[in-house]
PDB file of all heavy atoms in Angstrom:
ATOM      1  N   PRO A   1      44.543 -75.740 -28.271  1.00  0.00           N
ATOM      2  CA  PRO A   1      43.423 -76.535 -28.776  1.00  0.00           C
ATOM      3  C   PRO A   1      43.664 -77.140 -30.151  1.00  0.00           C
ATOM      4  O   PRO A   1      43.249 -78.275 -30.411  1.00  0.00           O
ATOM      5  CB  PRO A   1      42.264 -75.526 -28.815  1.00  0.00           C
ATOM      6  CG  PRO A   1      42.624 -74.489 -27.826  1.00  0.00           C
ATOM      7  CD  PRO A   1      44.115 -74.383 -27.889  1.00  0.00           C
ATOM      8  N   VAL A   2      44.328 -76.397 -31.026  1.00  0.00           N
ATOM      9  CA  VAL A   2      44.576 -76.921 -32.371  1.00  0.00           C
ATOM     10  C   VAL A   2      45.484 -78.149 -32.304  1.00  0.00           C
ATOM     11  O   VAL A   2      45.208 -79.188 -32.927  1.00  0.00           O
ATOM     12  CB  VAL A   2      45.188 -75.820 -33.267  1.00  0.00           C
ATOM     13  CG1 VAL A   2      45.794 -76.414 -34.532  1.00  0.00           C
ATOM     14  CG2 VAL A   2      44.116 -74.794 -33.637  1.00  0.00           C
ATOM     15  N   ILE A   3      46.563 -78.066 -31.550  1.00  0.00           N
ATOM     16  CA  ILE A   3      47.468 -79.213 -31.455  1.00  0.00           C
ATOM     17  C   ILE A   3      46.812 -80.354 -30.676  1.00  0.00           C
ATOM     18  O   ILE A   3      47.011 -81.540 -30.990  1.00  0.00           O
ATOM     19  CB  ILE A   3      48.809 -78.792 -30.836  1.00  0.00           C
ATOM     20  CG1 ILE A   3      49.509 -77.791 -31.766  1.00  0.00           C
ATOM     21  CG2 ILE A   3      49.701 -80.002 -30.584  1.00  0.00           C
ATOM     22  CD1 ILE A   3      50.835 -77.281 -31.262  1.00  0.00           C
ATOM     23  N   ASN A   4      46.003 -80.019 -29.688  1.00  0.00           N
ATOM     24  CA  ASN A   4      45.253 -81.051 -28.967  1.00  0.00           C
ATOM     25  C   ASN A   4      44.344 -81.813 -29.929  1.00  0.00           C
ATOM     26  O   ASN A   4      44.252 -83.056 -29.884  1.00  0.00           O
ATOM     27  CB  ASN A   4      44.420 -80.409 -27.859  1.00  0.00           C
ATOM     28  CG  ASN A   4      43.871 -81.413 -26.880  1.00  0.00           C
ATOM     29  OD1 ASN A   4      44.580 -81.902 -26.008  1.00  0.00           O
ATOM     30  ND2 ASN A   4      42.595 -81.743 -27.016  1.00  0.00           N
ATOM     31  N   ALA A   5      43.669 -81.090 -30.810  1.00  0.00           N
ATOM     32  CA  ALA A   5      42.800 -81.724 -31.802  1.00  0.00           C
ATOM     33  C   ALA A   5      43.600 -82.611 -32.749  1.00  0.00           C
ATOM     34  O   ALA A   5      43.156 -83.704 -33.141  1.00  0.00           O
ATOM     35  CB  ALA A   5      42.038 -80.663 -32.590  1.00  0.00           C
ATOM     36  N   TYR A   6      44.775 -82.165 -33.109  1.00  0.00           N
ATOM     37  CA  TYR A   6      45.634 -82.960 -33.997  1.00  0.00           C
ATOM     38  C   TYR A   6      46.023 -84.280 -33.334  1.00  0.00           C
ATOM     39  O   TYR A   6      45.951 -85.353 -33.940  1.00  0.00           O
ATOM     40  CB  TYR A   6      46.875 -82.147 -34.350  1.00  0.00           C
ATOM     41  CG  TYR A   6      47.824 -82.847 -35.288  1.00  0.00           C
ATOM     42  CD1 TYR A   6      47.572 -82.881 -36.658  1.00  0.00           C
ATOM     43  CD2 TYR A   6      48.982 -83.458 -34.814  1.00  0.00           C
ATOM     44  CE1 TYR A   6      48.447 -83.513 -37.530  1.00  0.00           C
ATOM     45  CE2 TYR A   6      49.855 -84.093 -35.678  1.00  0.00           C
ATOM     46  CZ  TYR A   6      49.588 -84.121 -37.032  1.00  0.00           C
ATOM     47  OH  TYR A   6      50.457 -84.755 -37.886  1.00  0.00           O
ATOM     48  N   LYS A   7      46.419 -84.224 -32.076  1.00  0.00           N
ATOM     49  CA  LYS A   7      46.870 -85.420 -31.376  1.00  0.00           C
ATOM     50  C   LYS A   7      45.740 -86.428 -31.171  1.00  0.00           C
ATOM     51  O   LYS A   7      45.974 -87.639 -31.139  1.00  0.00           O
ATOM     52  CB  LYS A   7      47.475 -85.042 -30.023  1.00  0.00           C
ATOM     53  CG  LYS A   7      48.736 -84.194 -30.114  1.00  0.00           C
ATOM     54  CD  LYS A   7      49.930 -84.997 -30.606  1.00  0.00           C
ATOM     55  CE  LYS A   7      50.490 -85.879 -29.517  1.00  0.00           C
ATOM     56  NZ  LYS A   7      51.722 -86.583 -29.921  1.00  0.00           N
ATOM     57  N   ASP A   8      44.501 -85.929 -31.040  1.00  0.00           N
ATOM     58  CA  ASP A   8      43.368 -86.820 -30.814  1.00  0.00           C
ATOM     59  C   ASP A   8      42.521 -87.033 -32.063  1.00  0.00           C
ATOM     60  O   ASP A   8      41.416 -87.574 -31.982  1.00  0.00           O
ATOM     61  CB  ASP A   8      42.485 -86.268 -29.679  1.00  0.00           C
ATOM     62  CG  ASP A   8      43.122 -86.461 -28.313  1.00  0.00           C
ATOM     63  OD1 ASP A   8      44.022 -87.306 -28.184  1.00  0.00           O
ATOM     64  OD2 ASP A   8      42.722 -85.749 -27.369  1.00  0.00           O
ATOM     65  N   SER A   9      43.031 -86.634 -33.211  1.00  0.00           N
ATOM     66  CA  SER A   9      42.340 -86.847 -34.496  1.00  0.00           C
ATOM     67  C   SER A   9      40.915 -86.297 -34.460  1.00  0.00           C
ATOM     68  O   SER A   9      39.963 -86.960 -34.880  1.00  0.00           O
ATOM     69  CB  SER A   9      42.333 -88.335 -34.860  1.00  0.00           C
ATOM     70  OG  SER A   9      43.638 -88.848 -34.938  1.00  0.00           O
ATOM     71  N   THR A  10      40.780 -85.078 -33.974  1.00  0.00           N
ATOM     72  CA  THR A  10      39.474 -84.423 -33.860  1.00  0.00           C
ATOM     73  C   THR A  10      39.282 -83.446 -35.011  1.00  0.00           C
ATOM     74  O   THR A  10      40.130 -82.581 -35.229  1.00  0.00           O
ATOM     75  CB  THR A  10      39.372 -83.663 -32.528  1.00  0.00           C
ATOM     76  OG1 THR A  10      39.561 -84.582 -31.448  1.00  0.00           O
ATOM     77  CG2 THR A  10      38.017 -82.995 -32.391  1.00  0.00           C
ATOM     78  N   PRO A  11      38.176 -83.546 -35.751  1.00  0.00           N
ATOM     79  CA  PRO A  11      37.963 -82.610 -36.866  1.00  0.00           C
ATOM     80  C   PRO A  11      37.645 -81.211 -36.341  1.00  0.00           C
ATOM     81  O   PRO A  11      36.725 -81.023 -35.551  1.00  0.00           O
ATOM     82  CB  PRO A  11      36.769 -83.217 -37.611  1.00  0.00           C
ATOM     83  CG  PRO A  11      36.041 -84.019 -36.579  1.00  0.00           C
ATOM     84  CD  PRO A  11      37.092 -84.536 -35.636  1.00  0.00           C
ATOM     85  N   LEU A  12      38.421 -80.243 -36.780  1.00  0.00           N
ATOM     86  CA  LEU A  12      38.300 -78.880 -36.276  1.00  0.00           C
ATOM     87  C   LEU A  12      38.609 -77.914 -37.410  1.00  0.00           C
ATOM     88  O   LEU A  12      39.573 -78.118 -38.150  1.00  0.00           O
ATOM     89  CB  LEU A  12      39.280 -78.669 -35.114  1.00  0.00           C
ATOM     90  CG  LEU A  12      39.257 -77.324 -34.389  1.00  0.00           C
ATOM     91  CD1 LEU A  12      38.011 -77.223 -33.521  1.00  0.00           C
ATOM     92  CD2 LEU A  12      40.506 -77.156 -33.521  1.00  0.00           C
ATOM     93  N   VAL A  13      37.783 -76.895 -37.547  1.00  0.00           N
ATOM     94  CA  VAL A  13      38.077 -75.798 -38.472  1.00  0.00           C
ATOM     95  C   VAL A  13      38.295 -74.551 -37.621  1.00  0.00           C
ATOM     96  O   VAL A  13      37.369 -74.059 -36.967  1.00  0.00           O
ATOM     97  CB  VAL A  13      36.941 -75.589 -39.484  1.00  0.00           C
ATOM     98  CG1 VAL A  13      37.233 -74.357 -40.346  1.00  0.00           C
ATOM     99  CG2 VAL A  13      36.780 -76.824 -40.373  1.00  0.00           C
ATOM    100  N   ALA A  14      39.529 -74.077 -37.602  1.00  0.00           N
ATOM    101  CA  ALA A  14      39.918 -72.920 -36.797  1.00  0.00           C
ATOM    102  C   ALA A  14      40.097 -71.722 -37.734  1.00  0.00           C
ATOM    103  O   ALA A  14      40.983 -71.735 -38.598  1.00  0.00           O
ATOM    104  CB  ALA A  14      41.204 -73.204 -36.036  1.00  0.00           C
ATOM    105  N   ILE A  15      39.255 -70.722 -37.546  1.00  0.00           N
ATOM    106  CA  ILE A  15      39.249 -69.557 -38.436  1.00  0.00           C
ATOM    107  C   ILE A  15      39.847 -68.367 -37.694  1.00  0.00           C
ATOM    108  O   ILE A  15      39.435 -68.038 -36.575  1.00  0.00           O
ATOM    109  CB  ILE A  15      37.813 -69.231 -38.897  1.00  0.00           C
ATOM    110  CG1 ILE A  15      37.237 -70.437 -39.676  1.00  0.00           C
ATOM    111  CG2 ILE A  15      37.788 -67.971 -39.751  1.00  0.00           C
ATOM    112  CD1 ILE A  15      35.768 -70.279 -40.032  1.00  0.00           C
ATOM    113  N   VAL A  16      40.812 -67.726 -38.320  1.00  0.00           N
ATOM    114  CA  VAL A  16      41.477 -66.556 -37.745  1.00  0.00           C
ATOM    115  C   VAL A  16      41.125 -65.342 -38.602  1.00  0.00           C
ATOM    116  O   VAL A  16      41.384 -65.332 -39.813  1.00  0.00           O
ATOM    117  CB  VAL A  16      43.008 -66.739 -37.702  1.00  0.00           C
ATOM    118  CG1 VAL A  16      43.668 -65.505 -37.091  1.00  0.00           C
ATOM    119  CG2 VAL A  16      43.377 -67.978 -36.903  1.00  0.00           C
ATOM    120  N   LEU A  17      40.534 -64.337 -37.979  1.00  0.00           N
ATOM    121  CA  LEU A  17      40.097 -63.144 -38.697  1.00  0.00           C
ATOM    122  C   LEU A  17      41.035 -61.981 -38.411  1.00  0.00           C
ATOM    123  O   LEU A  17      41.282 -61.642 -37.254  1.00  0.00           O
ATOM    124  CB  LEU A  17      38.683 -62.744 -38.256  1.00  0.00           C
ATOM    125  CG  LEU A  17      37.576 -63.797 -38.393  1.00  0.00           C
ATOM    126  CD1 LEU A  17      36.261 -63.201 -37.924  1.00  0.00           C
ATOM    127  CD2 LEU A  17      37.469 -64.284 -39.830  1.00  0.00           C
ATOM    128  N   ASP A  18      41.531 -61.367 -39.461  1.00  0.00           N
ATOM    129  CA  ASP A  18      42.298 -60.131 -39.309  1.00  0.00           C
ATOM    130  C   ASP A  18      41.321 -58.987 -39.553  1.00  0.00           C
ATOM    131  O   ASP A  18      41.114 -58.552 -40.681  1.00  0.00           O
ATOM    132  CB  ASP A  18      43.449 -60.097 -40.315  1.00  0.00           C
ATOM    133  CG  ASP A  18      44.249 -58.808 -40.186  1.00  0.00           C
ATOM    134  OD1 ASP A  18      44.118 -58.138 -39.148  1.00  0.00           O
ATOM    135  OD2 ASP A  18      44.989 -58.481 -41.123  1.00  0.00           O
ATOM    136  N   GLN A  19      40.702 -58.510 -38.463  1.00  0.00           N
ATOM    137  CA  GLN A  19      39.642 -57.507 -38.600  1.00  0.00           C
ATOM    138  C   GLN A  19      40.133 -56.074 -38.540  1.00  0.00           C
ATOM    139  O   GLN A  19      39.473 -55.171 -39.040  1.00  0.00           O
ATOM    140  CB  GLN A  19      38.617 -57.699 -37.468  1.00  0.00           C
ATOM    141  CG  GLN A  19      37.891 -59.028 -37.532  1.00  0.00           C
ATOM    142  CD  GLN A  19      37.040 -59.229 -36.291  1.00  0.00           C
ATOM    143  OE1 GLN A  19      37.565 -59.517 -35.237  1.00  0.00           O
ATOM    144  NE2 GLN A  19      35.740 -59.046 -36.428  1.00  0.00           N
ATOM    145  N   TYR A  20      41.280 -55.867 -37.923  1.00  0.00           N
ATOM    146  CA  TYR A  20      41.626 -54.495 -37.565  1.00  0.00           C
ATOM    147  C   TYR A  20      42.878 -53.964 -38.256  1.00  0.00           C
ATOM    148  O   TYR A  20      43.131 -52.765 -38.241  1.00  0.00           O
ATOM    149  CB  TYR A  20      41.809 -54.387 -36.051  1.00  0.00           C
ATOM    150  CG  TYR A  20      40.610 -54.899 -35.310  1.00  0.00           C
ATOM    151  CD1 TYR A  20      40.688 -56.063 -34.551  1.00  0.00           C
ATOM    152  CD2 TYR A  20      39.387 -54.237 -35.402  1.00  0.00           C
ATOM    153  CE1 TYR A  20      39.576 -56.548 -33.891  1.00  0.00           C
ATOM    154  CE2 TYR A  20      38.271 -54.720 -34.743  1.00  0.00           C
ATOM    155  CZ  TYR A  20      38.364 -55.878 -33.989  1.00  0.00           C
ATOM    156  OH  TYR A  20      37.270 -56.355 -33.342  1.00  0.00           O
ATOM    157  N   GLY A  21      43.692 -54.832 -38.825  1.00  0.00           N
ATOM    158  CA  GLY A  21      44.937 -54.349 -39.397  1.00  0.00           C
ATOM    159  C   GLY A  21      45.060 -54.713 -40.858  1.00  0.00           C
ATOM    160  O   GLY A  21      44.180 -55.333 -41.453  1.00  0.00           O
ATOM    161  N   ARG A  22      46.161 -54.355 -41.438  1.00  0.00           N
ATOM    162  CA  ARG A  22      46.426 -54.685 -42.834  1.00  0.00           C
ATOM    163  C   ARG A  22      46.838 -56.134 -42.939  1.00  0.00           C
ATOM    164  O   ARG A  22      47.664 -56.630 -42.183  1.00  0.00           O
ATOM    165  CB  ARG A  22      47.538 -53.794 -43.376  1.00  0.00           C
ATOM    166  CG  ARG A  22      47.108 -52.362 -43.625  1.00  0.00           C
ATOM    167  CD  ARG A  22      48.304 -51.516 -44.010  1.00  0.00           C
ATOM    168  NE  ARG A  22      49.132 -52.188 -45.008  1.00  0.00           N
ATOM    169  CZ  ARG A  22      50.397 -51.849 -45.263  1.00  0.00           C
ATOM    170  NH1 ARG A  22      50.958 -50.874 -44.575  1.00  0.00           N
ATOM    171  NH2 ARG A  22      51.077 -52.485 -46.175  1.00  0.00           N
ATOM    172  N   ALA A  23      46.261 -56.830 -43.887  1.00  0.00           N
ATOM    173  CA  ALA A  23      46.509 -58.267 -44.017  1.00  0.00           C
ATOM    174  C   ALA A  23      47.976 -58.581 -44.261  1.00  0.00           C
ATOM    175  O   ALA A  23      48.510 -59.542 -43.727  1.00  0.00           O
ATOM    176  CB  ALA A  23      45.677 -58.825 -45.173  1.00  0.00           C
ATOM    177  N   ASP A  24      48.642 -57.748 -45.040  1.00  0.00           N
ATOM    178  CA  ASP A  24      50.025 -58.080 -45.374  1.00  0.00           C
ATOM    179  C   ASP A  24      50.957 -57.898 -44.184  1.00  0.00           C
ATOM    180  O   ASP A  24      52.104 -58.332 -44.211  1.00  0.00           O
ATOM    181  CB  ASP A  24      50.516 -57.227 -46.557  1.00  0.00           C
ATOM    182  CG  ASP A  24      50.426 -55.730 -46.266  1.00  0.00           C
ATOM    183  OD1 ASP A  24      49.731 -55.361 -45.304  1.00  0.00           O
ATOM    184  OD2 ASP A  24      51.045 -54.959 -47.012  1.00  0.00           O
ATOM    185  N   GLU A  25      50.480 -57.235 -43.121  1.00  0.00           N
ATOM    186  CA  GLU A  25      51.294 -57.093 -41.927  1.00  0.00           C
ATOM    187  C   GLU A  25      50.901 -58.126 -40.869  1.00  0.00           C
ATOM    188  O   GLU A  25      51.686 -58.955 -40.459  1.00  0.00           O
ATOM    189  CB  GLU A  25      51.140 -55.682 -41.342  1.00  0.00           C
ATOM    190  CG  GLU A  25      51.727 -54.604 -42.235  1.00  0.00           C
ATOM    191  CD  GLU A  25      51.508 -53.228 -41.639  1.00  0.00           C
ATOM    192  OE1 GLU A  25      50.843 -53.138 -40.588  1.00  0.00           O
ATOM    193  OE2 GLU A  25      51.985 -52.246 -42.224  1.00  0.00           O
ATOM    194  N   ARG A  26      49.636 -58.110 -40.424  1.00  0.00           N
ATOM    195  CA  ARG A  26      49.253 -58.886 -39.241  1.00  0.00           C
ATOM    196  C   ARG A  26      49.310 -60.380 -39.487  1.00  0.00           C
ATOM    197  O   ARG A  26      49.840 -61.117 -38.682  1.00  0.00           O
ATOM    198  CB  ARG A  26      47.864 -58.471 -38.769  1.00  0.00           C
ATOM    199  CG  ARG A  26      47.856 -56.999 -38.446  1.00  0.00           C
ATOM    200  CD  ARG A  26      46.955 -56.571 -37.392  1.00  0.00           C
ATOM    201  NE  ARG A  26      46.708 -57.496 -36.321  1.00  0.00           N
ATOM    202  CZ  ARG A  26      46.118 -57.124 -35.209  1.00  0.00           C
ATOM    203  NH1 ARG A  26      45.759 -55.865 -35.063  1.00  0.00           N
ATOM    204  NH2 ARG A  26      45.876 -57.975 -34.256  1.00  0.00           N
ATOM    205  N   LEU A  27      48.740 -60.851 -40.566  1.00  0.00           N
ATOM    206  CA  LEU A  27      48.749 -62.289 -40.812  1.00  0.00           C
ATOM    207  C   LEU A  27      50.170 -62.795 -41.022  1.00  0.00           C
ATOM    208  O   LEU A  27      50.498 -63.920 -40.650  1.00  0.00           O
ATOM    209  CB  LEU A  27      47.881 -62.629 -42.017  1.00  0.00           C
ATOM    210  CG  LEU A  27      46.361 -62.575 -41.770  1.00  0.00           C
ATOM    211  CD1 LEU A  27      45.614 -62.874 -43.048  1.00  0.00           C
ATOM    212  CD2 LEU A  27      45.939 -63.536 -40.681  1.00  0.00           C
ATOM    213  N   ALA A  28      50.990 -61.981 -41.626  1.00  0.00           N
ATOM    214  CA  ALA A  28      52.368 -62.412 -41.846  1.00  0.00           C
ATOM    215  C   ALA A  28      53.165 -62.410 -40.550  1.00  0.00           C
ATOM    216  O   ALA A  28      54.047 -63.239 -40.340  1.00  0.00           O
ATOM    217  CB  ALA A  28      53.040 -61.500 -42.875  1.00  0.00           C
ATOM    218  N   ASP A  29      52.848 -61.471 -39.653  1.00  0.00           N
ATOM    219  CA  ASP A  29      53.605 -61.372 -38.410  1.00  0.00           C
ATOM    220  C   ASP A  29      53.312 -62.512 -37.454  1.00  0.00           C
ATOM    221  O   ASP A  29      54.211 -63.086 -36.849  1.00  0.00           O
ATOM    222  CB  ASP A  29      53.288 -60.042 -37.710  1.00  0.00           C
ATOM    223  CG  ASP A  29      53.950 -58.866 -38.422  1.00  0.00           C
ATOM    224  OD1 ASP A  29      54.804 -59.132 -39.277  1.00  0.00           O
ATOM    225  OD2 ASP A  29      53.603 -57.720 -38.102  1.00  0.00           O
ATOM    226  N   ILE A  30      52.030 -62.839 -37.267  1.00  0.00           N
ATOM    227  CA  ILE A  30      51.636 -63.883 -36.322  1.00  0.00           C
ATOM    228  C   ILE A  30      50.670 -64.812 -37.037  1.00  0.00           C
ATOM    229  O   ILE A  30      49.492 -64.505 -37.197  1.00  0.00           O
ATOM    230  CB  ILE A  30      50.968 -63.288 -35.062  1.00  0.00           C
ATOM    231  CG1 ILE A  30      51.918 -62.315 -34.366  1.00  0.00           C
ATOM    232  CG2 ILE A  30      50.561 -64.406 -34.105  1.00  0.00           C
ATOM    233  CD1 ILE A  30      51.306 -61.616 -33.183  1.00  0.00           C
ATOM    234  N   SER A  31      51.179 -65.917 -37.485  1.00  0.00           N
ATOM    235  CA  SER A  31      50.371 -66.872 -38.234  1.00  0.00           C
ATOM    236  C   SER A  31      50.123 -68.107 -37.380  1.00  0.00           C
ATOM    237  O   SER A  31      51.062 -68.775 -36.936  1.00  0.00           O
ATOM    238  CB  SER A  31      51.094 -67.277 -39.527  1.00  0.00           C
ATOM    239  OG  SER A  31      50.494 -68.420 -40.094  1.00  0.00           O
ATOM    240  N   LEU A  32      48.853 -68.408 -37.113  1.00  0.00           N
ATOM    241  CA  LEU A  32      48.526 -69.622 -36.370  1.00  0.00           C
ATOM    242  C   LEU A  32      49.035 -70.851 -37.101  1.00  0.00           C
ATOM    243  O   LEU A  32      49.537 -71.798 -36.482  1.00  0.00           O
ATOM    244  CB  LEU A  32      47.009 -69.716 -36.161  1.00  0.00           C
ATOM    245  CG  LEU A  32      46.499 -70.995 -35.500  1.00  0.00           C
ATOM    246  CD1 LEU A  32      47.119 -71.195 -34.126  1.00  0.00           C
ATOM    247  CD2 LEU A  32      44.969 -70.970 -35.402  1.00  0.00           C
ATOM    248  N   ALA A  33      48.935 -70.840 -38.414  1.00  0.00           N
ATOM    249  CA  ALA A  33      49.403 -71.987 -39.200  1.00  0.00           C
ATOM    250  C   ALA A  33      50.888 -72.246 -38.969  1.00  0.00           C
ATOM    251  O   ALA A  33      51.321 -73.395 -38.835  1.00  0.00           O
ATOM    252  CB  ALA A  33      49.131 -71.754 -40.676  1.00  0.00           C
ATOM    253  N   GLU A  34      51.681 -71.158 -38.898  1.00  0.00           N
ATOM    254  CA  GLU A  34      53.113 -71.336 -38.667  1.00  0.00           C
ATOM    255  C   GLU A  34      53.405 -71.699 -37.220  1.00  0.00           C
ATOM    256  O   GLU A  34      54.264 -72.528 -36.934  1.00  0.00           O
ATOM    257  CB  GLU A  34      53.855 -70.063 -39.067  1.00  0.00           C
ATOM    258  CG  GLU A  34      53.810 -69.794 -40.568  1.00  0.00           C
ATOM    259  CD  GLU A  34      54.583 -68.543 -40.948  1.00  0.00           C
ATOM    260  OE1 GLU A  34      55.259 -67.977 -40.058  1.00  0.00           O
ATOM    261  OE2 GLU A  34      54.497 -68.125 -42.116  1.00  0.00           O
TER     262      GLU A  34
END
């Protein structure tokens, strides 16, 4: 969906919550931005 929005110039705010693990591990391991 994020790349689909990019290709069609659709405004989208995609929020990813790290609710259960340590931020320095989970966000670094699997980053939607990357």
